[in-house]
């Protein structure tokens, strides 16, 4: 069955351009031009990816993203923003968008971004499908443990100090990758390459926003971290990048 994509864009010329090039990738395309319909479509159908314009009549793309994330943590969302709207890009990522592109955009780059998102969607789907067919040894191999942090790559579960942590698919992939390389420092460009699957300058906000959101979720209910008496799990190495600290979950 072909992957499906929902394009939410009120500019008909841009919508038609995106639609044609998504169909070239073999995707089944649905289009709507307002936020209210986008919410209905996204919550009542299983789309592989949503391409979501921020500036929409009525309910904005930011509102759409927020409402979808409340129900579908694992929905892949790529946002389209005006080149001058930096604050919208940051807010969109903070609300849970997996990626963003600025208008005007390169069609080839858009296709590359969609390909990268699809690879991660398929990997998640394959892991979930294999969950009920995994032996005990296989299940153990799918689990990453550091102190009081447990990450199950097959079931997409994260438990920290006996508390379940709800993560989007991108946040989960980011945590998995860093937890598999404890104490190793990664630049934002390296994380874009390893987690998002592409290298493009000018998209560092994507990494920054996801790191900030991931850190916030990992410190909820942990006053020791907030009060600085316990090291953070995801740490900033100033001038270099970020690292996963095992001491934060010891």
C-alpha atoms as a PDB file:
ATOM      1  CA  UNK A   1       0.000   0.000   0.000  1.00  0.00           C
ATOM      2  CA  UNK A   2       1.388   3.393  -1.006  1.00  0.00           C
ATOM      3  CA  UNK A   3       2.328   5.954   1.601  1.00  0.00           C
ATOM      4  CA  UNK A   4      -0.149   8.801   1.936  1.00  0.00           C
ATOM      5  CA  UNK A   5       0.475  12.482   2.561  1.00  0.00           C
ATOM      6  CA  UNK A   6      -1.774  15.349   3.627  1.00  0.00           C
ATOM      7  CA  UNK A   7      -0.856  18.747   2.166  1.00  0.00           C
ATOM      8  CA  UNK A   8      -2.328  21.664   4.104  1.00  0.00           C
ATOM      9  CA  UNK A   9      -1.763  24.793   2.021  1.00  0.00           C
ATOM     10  CA  UNK A  10      -4.121  27.641   1.111  1.00  0.00           C
ATOM     11  CA  UNK A  11      -1.993  28.956  -1.775  1.00  0.00           C
ATOM     12  CA  UNK A  12      -3.321  26.894  -4.667  1.00  0.00           C
ATOM     13  CA  UNK A  13      -0.219  27.330  -6.832  1.00  0.00           C
ATOM     14  CA  UNK A  14       2.101  26.090  -4.079  1.00  0.00           C
ATOM     15  CA  UNK A  15      -0.313  23.297  -3.176  1.00  0.00           C
ATOM     16  CA  UNK A  16      -0.426  22.092  -6.779  1.00  0.00           C
ATOM     17  CA  UNK A  17       3.383  22.259  -7.072  1.00  0.00           C
ATOM     18  CA  UNK A  18       3.857  20.193  -3.912  1.00  0.00           C
ATOM     19  CA  UNK A  19       1.103  17.770  -4.935  1.00  0.00           C
ATOM     20  CA  UNK A  20       2.685  17.041  -8.328  1.00  0.00           C
ATOM     21  CA  UNK A  21       6.119  16.385  -6.870  1.00  0.00           C
ATOM     22  CA  UNK A  22       4.763  14.214  -4.058  1.00  0.00           C
ATOM     23  CA  UNK A  23       2.881  12.144  -6.634  1.00  0.00           C
ATOM     24  CA  UNK A  24       6.180  11.797  -8.508  1.00  0.00           C
ATOM     25  CA  UNK A  25       7.451  10.033  -5.373  1.00  0.00           C
ATOM     26  CA  UNK A  26       4.561   7.579  -5.585  1.00  0.00           C
ATOM     27  CA  UNK A  27       2.628   9.073  -2.655  1.00  0.00           C
ATOM     28  CA  UNK A  28      -1.148   9.194  -2.385  1.00  0.00           C
ATOM     29  CA  UNK A  29      -1.967  12.883  -1.910  1.00  0.00           C
ATOM     30  CA  UNK A  30      -4.824  14.554  -0.062  1.00  0.00           C
ATOM     31  CA  UNK A  31      -5.063  18.340  -0.020  1.00  0.00           C
ATOM     32  CA  UNK A  32      -6.999  20.784   2.123  1.00  0.00           C
ATOM     33  CA  UNK A  33      -6.706  24.566   2.381  1.00  0.00           C
ATOM     34  CA  UNK A  34      -7.704  25.376   5.971  1.00  0.00           C
ATOM     35  CA  UNK A  35      -6.764  24.353   9.483  1.00  0.00           C
ATOM     36  CA  UNK A  36     -10.142  23.112  10.630  1.00  0.00           C
ATOM     37  CA  UNK A  37     -10.391  20.568   7.814  1.00  0.00           C
ATOM     38  CA  UNK A  38      -6.741  19.605   8.345  1.00  0.00           C
ATOM     39  CA  UNK A  39      -7.436  18.623  11.947  1.00  0.00           C
ATOM     40  CA  UNK A  40     -10.430  16.501  10.927  1.00  0.00           C
ATOM     41  CA  UNK A  41      -8.477  14.808   8.136  1.00  0.00           C
ATOM     42  CA  UNK A  42      -5.375  14.159  10.257  1.00  0.00           C
ATOM     43  CA  UNK A  43      -7.237  12.742  13.239  1.00  0.00           C
ATOM     44  CA  UNK A  44      -9.543  10.520  11.203  1.00  0.00           C
ATOM     45  CA  UNK A  45      -7.012   9.116   8.744  1.00  0.00           C
ATOM     46  CA  UNK A  46      -3.558   7.564   8.931  1.00  0.00           C
ATOM     47  CA  UNK A  47      -1.259   9.746   6.856  1.00  0.00           C
ATOM     48  CA  UNK A  48       2.431   8.915   6.669  1.00  0.00           C
ATOM     49  CA  UNK A  49       3.353  12.609   6.596  1.00  0.00           C
ATOM     50  CA  UNK A  50       1.664  15.984   6.973  1.00  0.00           C
ATOM     51  CA  UNK A  51       3.048  18.971   5.067  1.00  0.00           C
ATOM     52  CA  UNK A  52       1.608  21.869   6.994  1.00  0.00           C
ATOM     53  CA  UNK A  53       1.715  25.553   6.085  1.00  0.00           C
ATOM     54  CA  UNK A  54       1.829  27.841   9.114  1.00  0.00           C
ATOM     55  CA  UNK A  55      -0.193  30.707   7.627  1.00  0.00           C
ATOM     56  CA  UNK A  56      -3.704  29.391   7.082  1.00  0.00           C
ATOM     57  CA  UNK A  57      -7.125  31.062   7.160  1.00  0.00           C
ATOM     58  CA  UNK A  58      -8.871  30.589  10.487  1.00  0.00           C
ATOM     59  CA  UNK A  59      -7.038  27.962  12.531  1.00  0.00           C
ATOM     60  CA  UNK A  60      -3.296  28.477  11.977  1.00  0.00           C
ATOM     61  CA  UNK A  61      -0.787  25.756  11.201  1.00  0.00           C
ATOM     62  CA  UNK A  62       0.618  26.158  14.700  1.00  0.00           C
ATOM     63  CA  UNK A  63      -2.816  25.417  16.185  1.00  0.00           C
ATOM     64  CA  UNK A  64      -3.185  22.424  13.884  1.00  0.00           C
ATOM     65  CA  UNK A  65       0.198  21.061  14.957  1.00  0.00           C
ATOM     66  CA  UNK A  66      -0.647  21.496  18.635  1.00  0.00           C
ATOM     67  CA  UNK A  67      -3.998  19.715  18.352  1.00  0.00           C
ATOM     68  CA  UNK A  68      -2.577  16.818  16.346  1.00  0.00           C
ATOM     69  CA  UNK A  69       0.304  16.326  18.794  1.00  0.00           C
ATOM     70  CA  UNK A  70      -2.196  16.062  21.664  1.00  0.00           C
ATOM     71  CA  UNK A  71      -3.601  12.927  20.023  1.00  0.00           C
ATOM     72  CA  UNK A  72      -0.913  11.562  17.677  1.00  0.00           C
ATOM     73  CA  UNK A  73       2.560  11.841  19.171  1.00  0.00           C
ATOM     74  CA  UNK A  74       4.121   9.829  16.352  1.00  0.00           C
ATOM     75  CA  UNK A  75       2.602  11.682  13.391  1.00  0.00           C
ATOM     76  CA  UNK A  76       5.353  12.964  11.066  1.00  0.00           C
ATOM     77  CA  UNK A  77       4.900  16.701  10.447  1.00  0.00           C
ATOM     78  CA  UNK A  78       6.881  18.963   8.127  1.00  0.00           C
ATOM     79  CA  UNK A  79       6.043  22.667   8.377  1.00  0.00           C
ATOM     80  CA  UNK A  80       6.286  25.293   5.650  1.00  0.00           C
ATOM     81  CA  UNK A  81       7.087  28.831   6.780  1.00  0.00           C
ATOM     82  CA  UNK A  82       7.805  32.218   5.240  1.00  0.00           C
ATOM     83  CA  UNK A  83      11.555  32.868   5.066  1.00  0.00           C
ATOM     84  CA  UNK A  84      11.254  35.921   7.348  1.00  0.00           C
ATOM     85  CA  UNK A  85       9.143  34.183  10.031  1.00  0.00           C
ATOM     86  CA  UNK A  86      11.918  32.858  12.278  1.00  0.00           C
ATOM     87  CA  UNK A  87       9.762  33.029  15.394  1.00  0.00           C
ATOM     88  CA  UNK A  88       7.092  30.896  13.661  1.00  0.00           C
ATOM     89  CA  UNK A  89       9.710  28.284  12.772  1.00  0.00           C
ATOM     90  CA  UNK A  90      10.916  28.106  16.357  1.00  0.00           C
ATOM     91  CA  UNK A  91       7.394  27.939  17.795  1.00  0.00           C
ATOM     92  CA  UNK A  92       6.408  25.277  15.261  1.00  0.00           C
ATOM     93  CA  UNK A  93       9.348  23.096  16.259  1.00  0.00           C
ATOM     94  CA  UNK A  94       8.657  23.658  19.941  1.00  0.00           C
ATOM     95  CA  UNK A  95       5.063  22.504  19.382  1.00  0.00           C
ATOM     96  CA  UNK A  96       6.287  19.245  17.889  1.00  0.00           C
ATOM     97  CA  UNK A  97       6.920  19.647  14.159  1.00  0.00           C
ATOM     98  CA  UNK A  98       9.571  17.161  13.034  1.00  0.00           C
ATOM     99  CA  UNK A  99      11.065  19.482  10.448  1.00  0.00           C
ATOM    100  CA  UNK A 100      10.466  22.736   8.598  1.00  0.00           C
ATOM    101  CA  UNK A 101      11.235  24.346   5.250  1.00  0.00           C
ATOM    102  CA  UNK A 102      11.250  28.019   4.365  1.00  0.00           C
ATOM    103  CA  UNK A 103       9.429  29.433   1.356  1.00  0.00           C
ATOM    104  CA  UNK A 104      10.499  29.674  -1.398  1.00  0.00           C
ATOM    105  CA  UNK A 105      11.953  26.173  -1.282  1.00  0.00           C
ATOM    106  CA  UNK A 106      13.812  23.803  -3.572  1.00  0.00           C
ATOM    107  CA  UNK A 107      11.601  20.999  -4.867  1.00  0.00           C
ATOM    108  CA  UNK A 108      14.536  18.579  -4.742  1.00  0.00           C
ATOM    109  CA  UNK A 109      15.222  19.478  -1.128  1.00  0.00           C
ATOM    110  CA  UNK A 110      11.543  19.039  -0.251  1.00  0.00           C
ATOM    111  CA  UNK A 111      11.581  15.584  -1.832  1.00  0.00           C
ATOM    112  CA  UNK A 112      14.766  14.731   0.099  1.00  0.00           C
ATOM    113  CA  UNK A 113      13.165  15.832   3.367  1.00  0.00           C
ATOM    114  CA  UNK A 114      10.054  13.772   2.670  1.00  0.00           C
ATOM    115  CA  UNK A 115      12.236  10.749   1.832  1.00  0.00           C
ATOM    116  CA  UNK A 116      14.105  11.152   5.126  1.00  0.00           C
ATOM    117  CA  UNK A 117      10.856  11.378   7.101  1.00  0.00           C
ATOM    118  CA  UNK A 118       9.441   8.347   5.292  1.00  0.00           C
ATOM    119  CA  UNK A 119      12.503   6.260   6.171  1.00  0.00           C
ATOM    120  CA  UNK A 120      11.936   7.004   9.843  1.00  0.00           C
ATOM    121  CA  UNK A 121       8.197   6.349   9.574  1.00  0.00           C
ATOM    122  CA  UNK A 122       8.871   2.965   7.964  1.00  0.00           C
ATOM    123  CA  UNK A 123      11.482   2.081  10.585  1.00  0.00           C
ATOM    124  CA  UNK A 124       9.024   2.864  13.374  1.00  0.00           C
ATOM    125  CA  UNK A 125       6.285   0.851  11.664  1.00  0.00           C
ATOM    126  CA  UNK A 126       8.607  -2.128  11.173  1.00  0.00           C
ATOM    127  CA  UNK A 127       9.719  -2.045  14.803  1.00  0.00           C
ATOM    128  CA  UNK A 128       6.125  -1.943  16.026  1.00  0.00           C
ATOM    129  CA  UNK A 129       5.086  -4.771  13.677  1.00  0.00           C
ATOM    130  CA  UNK A 130       7.914  -6.972  14.950  1.00  0.00           C
ATOM    131  CA  UNK A 131       7.065  -6.419  18.614  1.00  0.00           C
ATOM    132  CA  UNK A 132       4.661  -9.362  18.850  1.00  0.00           C
ATOM    133  CA  UNK A 133       7.067 -11.670  16.995  1.00  0.00           C
ATOM    134  CA  UNK A 134      10.199 -11.026  19.005  1.00  0.00           C
ATOM    135  CA  UNK A 135      11.922 -13.594  21.170  1.00  0.00           C
ATOM    136  CA  UNK A 136      13.104 -12.740  24.674  1.00  0.00           C
ATOM    137  CA  UNK A 137      16.681 -12.333  23.462  1.00  0.00           C
ATOM    138  CA  UNK A 138      15.541 -10.139  20.587  1.00  0.00           C
ATOM    139  CA  UNK A 139      13.467  -8.014  22.922  1.00  0.00           C
ATOM    140  CA  UNK A 140      16.438  -7.552  25.220  1.00  0.00           C
ATOM    141  CA  UNK A 141      18.568  -6.460  22.270  1.00  0.00           C
ATOM    142  CA  UNK A 142      16.025  -3.772  21.424  1.00  0.00           C
ATOM    143  CA  UNK A 143      16.271  -2.169  24.868  1.00  0.00           C
ATOM    144  CA  UNK A 144      18.735   0.576  25.816  1.00  0.00           C
ATOM    145  CA  UNK A 145      19.287   1.042  29.538  1.00  0.00           C
ATOM    146  CA  UNK A 146      21.269   3.674  31.389  1.00  0.00           C
ATOM    147  CA  UNK A 147      20.680   3.728  35.121  1.00  0.00           C
ATOM    148  CA  UNK A 148      17.012   4.563  35.672  1.00  0.00           C
ATOM    149  CA  UNK A 149      16.356   5.271  31.987  1.00  0.00           C
ATOM    150  CA  UNK A 150      14.907   2.512  29.782  1.00  0.00           C
ATOM    151  CA  UNK A 151      14.344   2.944  26.045  1.00  0.00           C
ATOM    152  CA  UNK A 152      12.497   0.213  24.139  1.00  0.00           C
ATOM    153  CA  UNK A 153      13.109   0.707  20.431  1.00  0.00           C
ATOM    154  CA  UNK A 154      10.461  -1.817  19.373  1.00  0.00           C
ATOM    155  CA  UNK A 155       7.575  -0.524  21.444  1.00  0.00           C
ATOM    156  CA  UNK A 156       8.657   3.136  21.279  1.00  0.00           C
ATOM    157  CA  UNK A 157       8.518   3.372  25.069  1.00  0.00           C
ATOM    158  CA  UNK A 158      10.691   5.511  27.328  1.00  0.00           C
ATOM    159  CA  UNK A 159      10.594   5.079  31.093  1.00  0.00           C
ATOM    160  CA  UNK A 160      12.600   7.325  33.406  1.00  0.00           C
ATOM    161  CA  UNK A 161      12.590   6.663  37.158  1.00  0.00           C
ATOM    162  CA  UNK A 162       9.407   4.571  36.782  1.00  0.00           C
ATOM    163  CA  UNK A 163       7.660   7.388  34.888  1.00  0.00           C
ATOM    164  CA  UNK A 164       6.590   6.914  31.261  1.00  0.00           C
ATOM    165  CA  UNK A 165       7.778   9.744  28.997  1.00  0.00           C
ATOM    166  CA  UNK A 166       5.733  10.541  25.877  1.00  0.00           C
ATOM    167  CA  UNK A 167       7.979  11.513  22.961  1.00  0.00           C
ATOM    168  CA  UNK A 168       7.345  12.334  19.328  1.00  0.00           C
ATOM    169  CA  UNK A 169       9.018  10.052  16.790  1.00  0.00           C
ATOM    170  CA  UNK A 170      11.810  12.578  16.210  1.00  0.00           C
ATOM    171  CA  UNK A 171      12.431  13.124  19.911  1.00  0.00           C
ATOM    172  CA  UNK A 172      12.554   9.360  20.358  1.00  0.00           C
ATOM    173  CA  UNK A 173      15.042   8.918  17.507  1.00  0.00           C
ATOM    174  CA  UNK A 174      17.204  11.716  18.895  1.00  0.00           C
ATOM    175  CA  UNK A 175      17.249  10.216  22.394  1.00  0.00           C
ATOM    176  CA  UNK A 176      17.979   6.713  21.038  1.00  0.00           C
ATOM    177  CA  UNK A 177      20.887   7.896  18.940  1.00  0.00           C
ATOM    178  CA  UNK A 178      22.496   9.901  21.729  1.00  0.00           C
ATOM    179  CA  UNK A 179      21.904   7.172  24.335  1.00  0.00           C
ATOM    180  CA  UNK A 180      23.693   4.696  22.063  1.00  0.00           C
ATOM    181  CA  UNK A 181      26.738   6.988  22.156  1.00  0.00           C
ATOM    182  CA  UNK A 182      26.955   8.067  25.804  1.00  0.00           C
ATOM    183  CA  UNK A 183      29.296  10.960  26.608  1.00  0.00           C
ATOM    184  CA  UNK A 184      30.123  11.488  22.926  1.00  0.00           C
ATOM    185  CA  UNK A 185      29.662  15.075  21.774  1.00  0.00           C
ATOM    186  CA  UNK A 186      27.772  15.691  18.528  1.00  0.00           C
ATOM    187  CA  UNK A 187      27.542  18.951  16.632  1.00  0.00           C
ATOM    188  CA  UNK A 188      24.191  20.136  15.322  1.00  0.00           C
ATOM    189  CA  UNK A 189      25.294  19.295  11.779  1.00  0.00           C
ATOM    190  CA  UNK A 190      26.153  15.741  12.838  1.00  0.00           C
ATOM    191  CA  UNK A 191      22.772  15.296  14.524  1.00  0.00           C
ATOM    192  CA  UNK A 192      20.978  16.627  11.440  1.00  0.00           C
ATOM    193  CA  UNK A 193      22.818  14.018   9.384  1.00  0.00           C
ATOM    194  CA  UNK A 194      22.420  11.073  11.766  1.00  0.00           C
ATOM    195  CA  UNK A 195      18.882  11.669  13.078  1.00  0.00           C
ATOM    196  CA  UNK A 196      17.111  13.690  10.386  1.00  0.00           C
ATOM    197  CA  UNK A 197      19.030  12.099   7.533  1.00  0.00           C
ATOM    198  CA  UNK A 198      20.216  15.187   5.684  1.00  0.00           C
ATOM    199  CA  UNK A 199      22.817  17.945   5.795  1.00  0.00           C
ATOM    200  CA  UNK A 200      21.662  21.484   5.063  1.00  0.00           C
ATOM    201  CA  UNK A 201      23.136  24.629   6.570  1.00  0.00           C
ATOM    202  CA  UNK A 202      20.721  27.106   8.089  1.00  0.00           C
ATOM    203  CA  UNK A 203      18.497  24.515   9.776  1.00  0.00           C
ATOM    204  CA  UNK A 204      20.188  24.434  13.176  1.00  0.00           C
ATOM    205  CA  UNK A 205      16.923  25.557  14.799  1.00  0.00           C
ATOM    206  CA  UNK A 206      15.600  22.084  14.055  1.00  0.00           C
ATOM    207  CA  UNK A 207      18.189  20.513  16.357  1.00  0.00           C
ATOM    208  CA  UNK A 208      18.071  23.249  18.995  1.00  0.00           C
ATOM    209  CA  UNK A 209      14.302  23.094  19.342  1.00  0.00           C
ATOM    210  CA  UNK A 210      14.149  19.305  19.550  1.00  0.00           C
ATOM    211  CA  UNK A 211      16.963  19.199  22.111  1.00  0.00           C
ATOM    212  CA  UNK A 212      15.177  21.806  24.242  1.00  0.00           C
ATOM    213  CA  UNK A 213      11.842  19.994  24.025  1.00  0.00           C
ATOM    214  CA  UNK A 214      13.443  16.625  24.790  1.00  0.00           C
ATOM    215  CA  UNK A 215      15.283  18.035  27.800  1.00  0.00           C
ATOM    216  CA  UNK A 216      12.105  19.615  29.132  1.00  0.00           C
ATOM    217  CA  UNK A 217      10.283  16.285  28.944  1.00  0.00           C
ATOM    218  CA  UNK A 218      13.132  14.464  30.686  1.00  0.00           C
ATOM    219  CA  UNK A 219      13.186  16.844  33.684  1.00  0.00           C
ATOM    220  CA  UNK A 220       9.446  16.958  34.365  1.00  0.00           C
ATOM    221  CA  UNK A 221       8.912  15.743  37.916  1.00  0.00           C
ATOM    222  CA  UNK A 222      12.639  15.728  38.631  1.00  0.00           C
ATOM    223  CA  UNK A 223      13.349  18.723  40.904  1.00  0.00           C
ATOM    224  CA  UNK A 224      16.904  17.504  41.427  1.00  0.00           C
ATOM    225  CA  UNK A 225      17.708  18.375  37.810  1.00  0.00           C
ATOM    226  CA  UNK A 226      15.772  21.645  37.852  1.00  0.00           C
ATOM    227  CA  UNK A 227      17.574  22.680  41.047  1.00  0.00           C
ATOM    228  CA  UNK A 228      20.967  21.798  39.536  1.00  0.00           C
ATOM    229  CA  UNK A 229      21.774  19.165  42.198  1.00  0.00           C
ATOM    230  CA  UNK A 230      21.731  16.441  39.528  1.00  0.00           C
ATOM    231  CA  UNK A 231      23.297  16.692  36.056  1.00  0.00           C
ATOM    232  CA  UNK A 232      20.997  16.910  33.037  1.00  0.00           C
ATOM    233  CA  UNK A 233      20.647  13.856  30.812  1.00  0.00           C
ATOM    234  CA  UNK A 234      21.185  15.884  27.625  1.00  0.00           C
ATOM    235  CA  UNK A 235      23.967  18.398  28.124  1.00  0.00           C
ATOM    236  CA  UNK A 236      25.246  21.304  26.063  1.00  0.00           C
ATOM    237  CA  UNK A 237      28.965  21.429  25.363  1.00  0.00           C
ATOM    238  CA  UNK A 238      29.351  25.102  24.567  1.00  0.00           C
ATOM    239  CA  UNK A 239      30.875  25.847  21.209  1.00  0.00           C
ATOM    240  CA  UNK A 240      30.715  22.184  20.165  1.00  0.00           C
ATOM    241  CA  UNK A 241      27.264  20.581  20.483  1.00  0.00           C
ATOM    242  CA  UNK A 242      25.380  18.165  22.727  1.00  0.00           C
ATOM    243  CA  UNK A 243      25.980  14.906  24.553  1.00  0.00           C
ATOM    244  CA  UNK A 244      24.079  12.239  26.483  1.00  0.00           C
ATOM    245  CA  UNK A 245      25.285  12.120  30.087  1.00  0.00           C
ATOM    246  CA  UNK A 246      24.941   8.723  31.868  1.00  0.00           C
ATOM    247  CA  UNK A 247      25.438  10.546  35.184  1.00  0.00           C
ATOM    248  CA  UNK A 248      22.029  12.194  34.672  1.00  0.00           C
ATOM    249  CA  UNK A 249      20.263   8.839  35.048  1.00  0.00           C
ATOM    250  CA  UNK A 250      22.592   7.142  37.526  1.00  0.00           C
END
